[in-house]
């Protein structure tokens, strides 16, 4: 008897670069909202909306990120959207004053070409 496994209906990461422009714009709005939100529900709601818009499951942490390599001049162009609490994530820039979001590299980029805050 063969056992069949089913692929997840939703990937745990997506590539921002492959999203339609309208979806990128909506995702960016939610991420800006999260970055500027006060503590509590506003932040979690914005992150939930951003994850749903990108098409990934909302992580338990309610905290997602887009790989900083997409816009980093020395980066590889990776646009992964991922759970910010995944093992192997590398912080490339801390959050600015009065902002919530740091710049992060996905685990793949953090492993292959880390650009940590301090080398």
N, C-alpha and C. Protein backbone atom coordinates (compact mmCIF):
# COMPACT_ATOMS: atom_id res chain seq x y z
N UNK A 1 0.84 -1.17 0.00
CA UNK A 1 0.00 0.00 0.00
C UNK A 1 0.89 1.24 0.00
N UNK A 2 0.64 2.10 -0.93
CA UNK A 2 1.42 3.34 -1.04
C UNK A 2 0.82 4.41 -0.13
N UNK A 3 1.71 5.14 0.51
CA UNK A 3 1.27 6.25 1.35
C UNK A 3 1.55 7.53 0.60
N UNK A 4 0.53 8.35 0.50
CA UNK A 4 0.68 9.60 -0.22
C UNK A 4 0.78 10.75 0.77
N UNK A 5 1.74 11.60 0.56
CA UNK A 5 1.82 12.80 1.37
C UNK A 5 1.39 13.97 0.51
N UNK A 6 0.76 14.91 1.13
CA UNK A 6 0.27 16.07 0.41
C UNK A 6 1.14 17.27 0.71
N UNK A 7 1.44 18.01 -0.31
CA UNK A 7 2.21 19.25 -0.12
C UNK A 7 1.33 20.26 0.60
N UNK A 8 1.97 21.12 1.33
CA UNK A 8 1.26 22.17 2.02
C UNK A 8 0.51 23.03 1.02
N UNK A 9 -0.70 23.42 1.37
CA UNK A 9 -1.50 24.26 0.49
C UNK A 9 -0.87 25.65 0.35
N UNK A 10 -0.13 26.06 1.35
CA UNK A 10 0.51 27.38 1.33
C UNK A 10 1.98 27.22 1.67
N UNK A 11 2.86 27.74 0.83
CA UNK A 11 4.29 27.67 1.15
C UNK A 11 4.59 28.52 2.39
N UNK A 12 5.66 28.18 3.10
CA UNK A 12 6.02 28.95 4.29
C UNK A 12 6.82 30.19 3.93
N UNK A 13 7.34 30.25 2.71
CA UNK A 13 7.99 31.46 2.21
C UNK A 13 7.54 31.68 0.77
N UNK A 14 7.58 32.92 0.35
CA UNK A 14 7.33 33.27 -1.04
C UNK A 14 8.38 34.29 -1.45
N UNK A 15 8.56 34.45 -2.74
CA UNK A 15 9.51 35.44 -3.26
C UNK A 15 8.75 36.71 -3.61
N UNK A 16 9.05 37.77 -2.90
CA UNK A 16 8.43 39.07 -3.12
C UNK A 16 8.50 39.47 -4.59
N UNK A 17 9.62 39.19 -5.24
CA UNK A 17 9.83 39.58 -6.63
C UNK A 17 8.85 38.92 -7.58
N UNK A 18 8.31 37.76 -7.19
CA UNK A 18 7.37 37.04 -8.05
C UNK A 18 5.92 37.44 -7.82
N UNK A 19 5.67 38.29 -6.84
CA UNK A 19 4.30 38.72 -6.57
C UNK A 19 3.89 39.80 -7.56
N UNK A 20 2.61 39.83 -7.96
CA UNK A 20 2.14 40.92 -8.82
C UNK A 20 2.34 42.27 -8.13
N UNK A 21 2.52 43.31 -8.90
CA UNK A 21 2.78 44.65 -8.37
C UNK A 21 1.71 45.08 -7.38
N UNK A 22 0.45 44.78 -7.67
CA UNK A 22 -0.62 45.19 -6.75
C UNK A 22 -0.49 44.48 -5.41
N UNK A 23 -0.05 43.24 -5.42
CA UNK A 23 0.15 42.48 -4.18
C UNK A 23 1.38 43.03 -3.45
N UNK A 24 2.46 43.33 -4.18
CA UNK A 24 3.64 43.94 -3.56
C UNK A 24 3.26 45.26 -2.87
N UNK A 25 2.46 46.08 -3.56
CA UNK A 25 2.06 47.37 -2.99
C UNK A 25 1.26 47.18 -1.71
N UNK A 26 0.32 46.23 -1.71
CA UNK A 26 -0.48 45.97 -0.51
C UNK A 26 0.40 45.43 0.61
N UNK A 27 1.29 44.49 0.28
CA UNK A 27 2.22 43.94 1.27
C UNK A 27 3.07 45.06 1.88
N UNK A 28 3.61 45.93 1.04
CA UNK A 28 4.43 47.05 1.52
C UNK A 28 3.64 47.96 2.46
N UNK A 29 2.39 48.23 2.14
CA UNK A 29 1.54 49.07 3.00
C UNK A 29 1.38 48.43 4.38
N UNK A 30 1.10 47.13 4.40
CA UNK A 30 0.93 46.44 5.69
C UNK A 30 2.23 46.43 6.48
N UNK A 31 3.36 46.24 5.80
CA UNK A 31 4.64 46.24 6.51
C UNK A 31 4.97 47.63 7.06
N UNK A 32 4.66 48.69 6.30
CA UNK A 32 4.85 50.05 6.83
C UNK A 32 3.94 50.29 8.03
N UNK A 33 2.72 49.79 7.93
CA UNK A 33 1.79 49.93 9.05
C UNK A 33 2.34 49.22 10.29
N UNK A 34 2.87 48.02 10.12
CA UNK A 34 3.46 47.28 11.24
C UNK A 34 4.68 48.01 11.78
N UNK A 35 5.49 48.57 10.90
CA UNK A 35 6.70 49.26 11.33
C UNK A 35 6.37 50.49 12.18
N UNK A 36 5.26 51.12 11.88
CA UNK A 36 4.88 52.35 12.59
C UNK A 36 3.82 52.12 13.67
N UNK A 37 3.39 50.89 13.86
CA UNK A 37 2.32 50.60 14.82
C UNK A 37 2.81 50.70 16.25
N UNK A 38 1.89 51.01 17.11
CA UNK A 38 2.18 50.92 18.54
C UNK A 38 2.21 49.45 18.92
N UNK A 39 2.42 49.18 20.17
CA UNK A 39 2.43 47.79 20.60
C UNK A 39 1.02 47.24 20.60
N UNK A 40 0.92 45.94 20.54
CA UNK A 40 -0.37 45.29 20.68
C UNK A 40 -1.01 44.90 19.37
N UNK A 41 -2.32 45.04 19.34
CA UNK A 41 -3.12 44.53 18.22
C UNK A 41 -2.79 45.17 16.88
N UNK A 42 -2.48 46.46 16.84
CA UNK A 42 -2.20 47.11 15.56
C UNK A 42 -1.03 46.44 14.85
N UNK A 43 0.03 46.14 15.58
CA UNK A 43 1.19 45.46 14.99
C UNK A 43 0.82 44.06 14.52
N UNK A 44 0.19 43.29 15.39
CA UNK A 44 -0.16 41.91 15.04
C UNK A 44 -1.14 41.87 13.87
N UNK A 45 -2.10 42.80 13.85
CA UNK A 45 -3.06 42.83 12.74
C UNK A 45 -2.37 43.16 11.42
N UNK A 46 -1.45 44.12 11.43
CA UNK A 46 -0.73 44.48 10.21
C UNK A 46 0.13 43.32 9.72
N UNK A 47 0.80 42.63 10.63
CA UNK A 47 1.63 41.49 10.25
C UNK A 47 0.76 40.34 9.71
N UNK A 48 -0.37 40.12 10.33
CA UNK A 48 -1.30 39.08 9.85
C UNK A 48 -1.76 39.42 8.45
N UNK A 49 -2.15 40.67 8.23
CA UNK A 49 -2.60 41.08 6.89
C UNK A 49 -1.47 40.96 5.87
N UNK A 50 -0.25 41.30 6.26
CA UNK A 50 0.89 41.19 5.34
C UNK A 50 1.14 39.73 4.96
N UNK A 51 1.11 38.83 5.93
CA UNK A 51 1.33 37.40 5.64
C UNK A 51 0.24 36.86 4.71
N UNK A 52 -1.00 37.18 5.01
CA UNK A 52 -2.11 36.70 4.18
C UNK A 52 -1.99 37.26 2.77
N UNK A 53 -1.65 38.53 2.66
CA UNK A 53 -1.49 39.17 1.35
C UNK A 53 -0.38 38.49 0.55
N UNK A 54 0.72 38.15 1.21
CA UNK A 54 1.84 37.49 0.53
C UNK A 54 1.53 36.03 0.19
N UNK A 55 0.55 35.45 0.88
CA UNK A 55 0.18 34.07 0.60
C UNK A 55 0.91 33.04 1.43
N UNK A 56 1.42 33.46 2.60
CA UNK A 56 2.07 32.50 3.49
C UNK A 56 1.23 32.35 4.75
N UNK A 57 1.36 31.21 5.43
CA UNK A 57 0.64 31.04 6.69
C UNK A 57 1.11 32.07 7.71
N UNK A 58 0.20 32.55 8.52
CA UNK A 58 0.55 33.50 9.57
C UNK A 58 1.31 32.73 10.65
N UNK A 59 2.57 33.10 10.90
CA UNK A 59 3.34 32.36 11.91
C UNK A 59 2.82 32.65 13.31
N UNK A 60 3.07 31.74 14.22
CA UNK A 60 2.64 31.91 15.61
C UNK A 60 3.19 33.20 16.20
N UNK A 61 4.37 33.60 15.76
CA UNK A 61 5.00 34.82 16.27
C UNK A 61 4.30 36.09 15.79
N UNK A 62 3.49 35.96 14.75
CA UNK A 62 2.86 37.12 14.10
C UNK A 62 3.92 38.13 13.66
N UNK A 63 5.07 37.63 13.23
CA UNK A 63 6.19 38.49 12.89
C UNK A 63 6.85 37.95 11.63
N UNK A 64 6.71 38.65 10.50
CA UNK A 64 7.32 38.22 9.25
C UNK A 64 8.30 39.29 8.78
N UNK A 65 9.10 38.94 7.79
CA UNK A 65 10.08 39.86 7.23
C UNK A 65 10.28 39.54 5.76
N UNK A 66 10.85 40.50 5.06
CA UNK A 66 11.29 40.29 3.68
C UNK A 66 12.80 40.37 3.70
N UNK A 67 13.47 39.44 3.03
CA UNK A 67 14.92 39.37 3.05
C UNK A 67 15.53 40.69 2.60
N UNK A 68 16.47 41.20 3.40
CA UNK A 68 17.10 42.48 3.10
C UNK A 68 18.00 42.40 1.87
N UNK A 69 18.29 41.21 1.38
CA UNK A 69 19.13 41.08 0.19
C UNK A 69 18.46 41.64 -1.07
N UNK A 70 17.15 41.81 -1.04
CA UNK A 70 16.45 42.32 -2.21
C UNK A 70 16.89 43.75 -2.52
N UNK A 71 17.05 44.57 -1.50
CA UNK A 71 17.38 45.98 -1.70
C UNK A 71 18.80 46.34 -1.30
N UNK A 72 19.53 45.39 -0.75
CA UNK A 72 20.90 45.64 -0.31
C UNK A 72 21.82 45.67 -1.52
N UNK A 73 22.60 46.74 -1.63
CA UNK A 73 23.49 46.91 -2.79
C UNK A 73 24.45 45.72 -2.94
N UNK A 74 24.84 45.10 -1.85
CA UNK A 74 25.74 43.96 -1.93
C UNK A 74 25.02 42.63 -1.83
N UNK A 75 23.71 42.68 -1.81
CA UNK A 75 22.92 41.45 -1.64
C UNK A 75 22.72 40.71 -2.94
N UNK A 76 22.11 39.55 -2.83
CA UNK A 76 21.94 38.67 -3.98
C UNK A 76 20.62 38.92 -4.72
N UNK A 77 19.75 39.75 -4.16
CA UNK A 77 18.46 39.99 -4.79
C UNK A 77 17.36 39.10 -4.28
N UNK A 78 17.65 38.31 -3.25
CA UNK A 78 16.64 37.42 -2.68
C UNK A 78 15.49 38.26 -2.10
N UNK A 79 14.29 37.89 -2.41
CA UNK A 79 13.12 38.59 -1.92
C UNK A 79 12.24 37.72 -1.04
N UNK A 80 12.82 36.74 -0.37
CA UNK A 80 12.03 35.82 0.45
C UNK A 80 11.24 36.57 1.51
N UNK A 81 9.99 36.19 1.68
CA UNK A 81 9.15 36.66 2.78
C UNK A 81 9.02 35.45 3.70
N UNK A 82 9.32 35.64 4.99
CA UNK A 82 9.46 34.50 5.89
C UNK A 82 9.12 34.88 7.33
N UNK A 83 8.97 33.86 8.17
CA UNK A 83 8.78 34.05 9.61
C UNK A 83 10.07 34.63 10.18
N UNK A 84 9.97 35.79 10.80
CA UNK A 84 11.16 36.49 11.31
C UNK A 84 11.84 35.74 12.46
N UNK A 85 11.18 34.73 13.01
CA UNK A 85 11.75 33.99 14.14
C UNK A 85 12.29 32.62 13.72
N UNK A 86 12.50 32.42 12.44
CA UNK A 86 13.04 31.18 11.93
C UNK A 86 14.52 31.07 12.32
N UNK A 87 14.95 29.88 12.70
CA UNK A 87 16.36 29.66 13.01
C UNK A 87 17.21 30.03 11.80
N UNK A 88 18.30 30.73 12.03
CA UNK A 88 19.22 31.08 10.97
C UNK A 88 19.02 32.47 10.39
N UNK A 89 18.01 33.20 10.84
CA UNK A 89 17.80 34.56 10.37
C UNK A 89 18.94 35.44 10.88
N UNK A 90 19.43 36.35 10.02
CA UNK A 90 20.53 37.24 10.38
C UNK A 90 20.02 38.69 10.35
N UNK A 91 20.29 39.43 11.43
CA UNK A 91 19.92 40.85 11.49
C UNK A 91 21.00 41.63 10.76
N UNK A 92 20.59 42.41 9.73
CA UNK A 92 21.54 43.21 8.97
C UNK A 92 21.50 44.68 9.37
N UNK A 93 20.41 45.11 9.97
CA UNK A 93 20.30 46.49 10.48
C UNK A 93 19.21 46.49 11.56
N UNK A 94 19.52 47.07 12.71
CA UNK A 94 18.52 47.10 13.78
C UNK A 94 17.40 48.08 13.42
N UNK A 95 16.30 47.95 14.14
CA UNK A 95 15.20 48.89 13.89
C UNK A 95 15.62 50.30 14.29
N UNK A 96 15.14 51.26 13.53
CA UNK A 96 15.42 52.67 13.80
C UNK A 96 14.57 53.12 15.00
N UNK A 97 14.94 54.23 15.62
CA UNK A 97 14.11 54.74 16.73
C UNK A 97 12.66 54.93 16.27
N UNK A 98 11.75 54.55 17.14
CA UNK A 98 10.31 54.66 16.88
C UNK A 98 9.83 53.80 15.72
N UNK A 99 10.59 52.78 15.37
CA UNK A 99 10.20 51.82 14.33
C UNK A 99 10.24 50.43 14.95
N UNK A 100 9.48 49.52 14.38
CA UNK A 100 9.40 48.16 14.91
C UNK A 100 10.24 47.14 14.16
N UNK A 101 10.53 47.39 12.90
CA UNK A 101 11.14 46.36 12.06
C UNK A 101 12.63 46.56 11.84
N UNK A 102 13.37 45.50 12.06
CA UNK A 102 14.79 45.45 11.72
C UNK A 102 14.90 44.92 10.30
N UNK A 103 16.05 45.09 9.68
CA UNK A 103 16.30 44.45 8.39
C UNK A 103 16.90 43.08 8.67
N UNK A 104 16.35 42.06 8.01
CA UNK A 104 16.75 40.68 8.25
C UNK A 104 17.09 39.97 6.95
N UNK A 105 18.00 39.02 7.04
CA UNK A 105 18.25 38.10 5.94
C UNK A 105 17.56 36.79 6.26
N UNK A 106 17.01 36.15 5.24
CA UNK A 106 16.42 34.83 5.42
C UNK A 106 17.52 33.85 5.80
N UNK A 107 17.18 32.68 6.33
CA UNK A 107 18.21 31.71 6.73
C UNK A 107 19.14 31.29 5.59
N UNK A 108 18.63 31.15 4.38
CA UNK A 108 19.48 30.76 3.26
C UNK A 108 20.56 31.79 2.99
N UNK A 109 20.17 33.06 2.94
CA UNK A 109 21.14 34.13 2.70
C UNK A 109 22.05 34.31 3.91
N UNK A 110 21.49 34.17 5.11
CA UNK A 110 22.29 34.28 6.32
C UNK A 110 23.37 33.22 6.38
N UNK A 111 23.09 32.06 5.80
CA UNK A 111 24.08 30.98 5.75
C UNK A 111 25.07 31.19 4.61
N UNK A 112 24.56 31.54 3.43
CA UNK A 112 25.40 31.62 2.23
C UNK A 112 26.26 32.87 2.16
N UNK A 113 25.75 34.00 2.60
CA UNK A 113 26.51 35.25 2.52
C UNK A 113 26.02 36.22 3.60
N UNK A 114 26.33 35.90 4.84
CA UNK A 114 25.83 36.73 5.94
C UNK A 114 26.37 38.15 5.89
N UNK A 115 25.50 39.09 6.17
CA UNK A 115 25.87 40.49 6.27
C UNK A 115 25.36 41.00 7.62
N UNK A 116 25.93 40.48 8.71
CA UNK A 116 25.45 40.87 10.02
C UNK A 116 25.75 42.32 10.33
N UNK A 117 25.13 42.81 11.38
CA UNK A 117 25.36 44.20 11.80
C UNK A 117 26.84 44.45 12.03
N UNK A 118 27.50 43.54 12.70
CA UNK A 118 28.95 43.66 12.96
C UNK A 118 29.61 42.39 12.48
N UNK A 119 30.55 42.53 11.57
CA UNK A 119 31.27 41.34 11.05
C UNK A 119 32.26 40.81 12.05
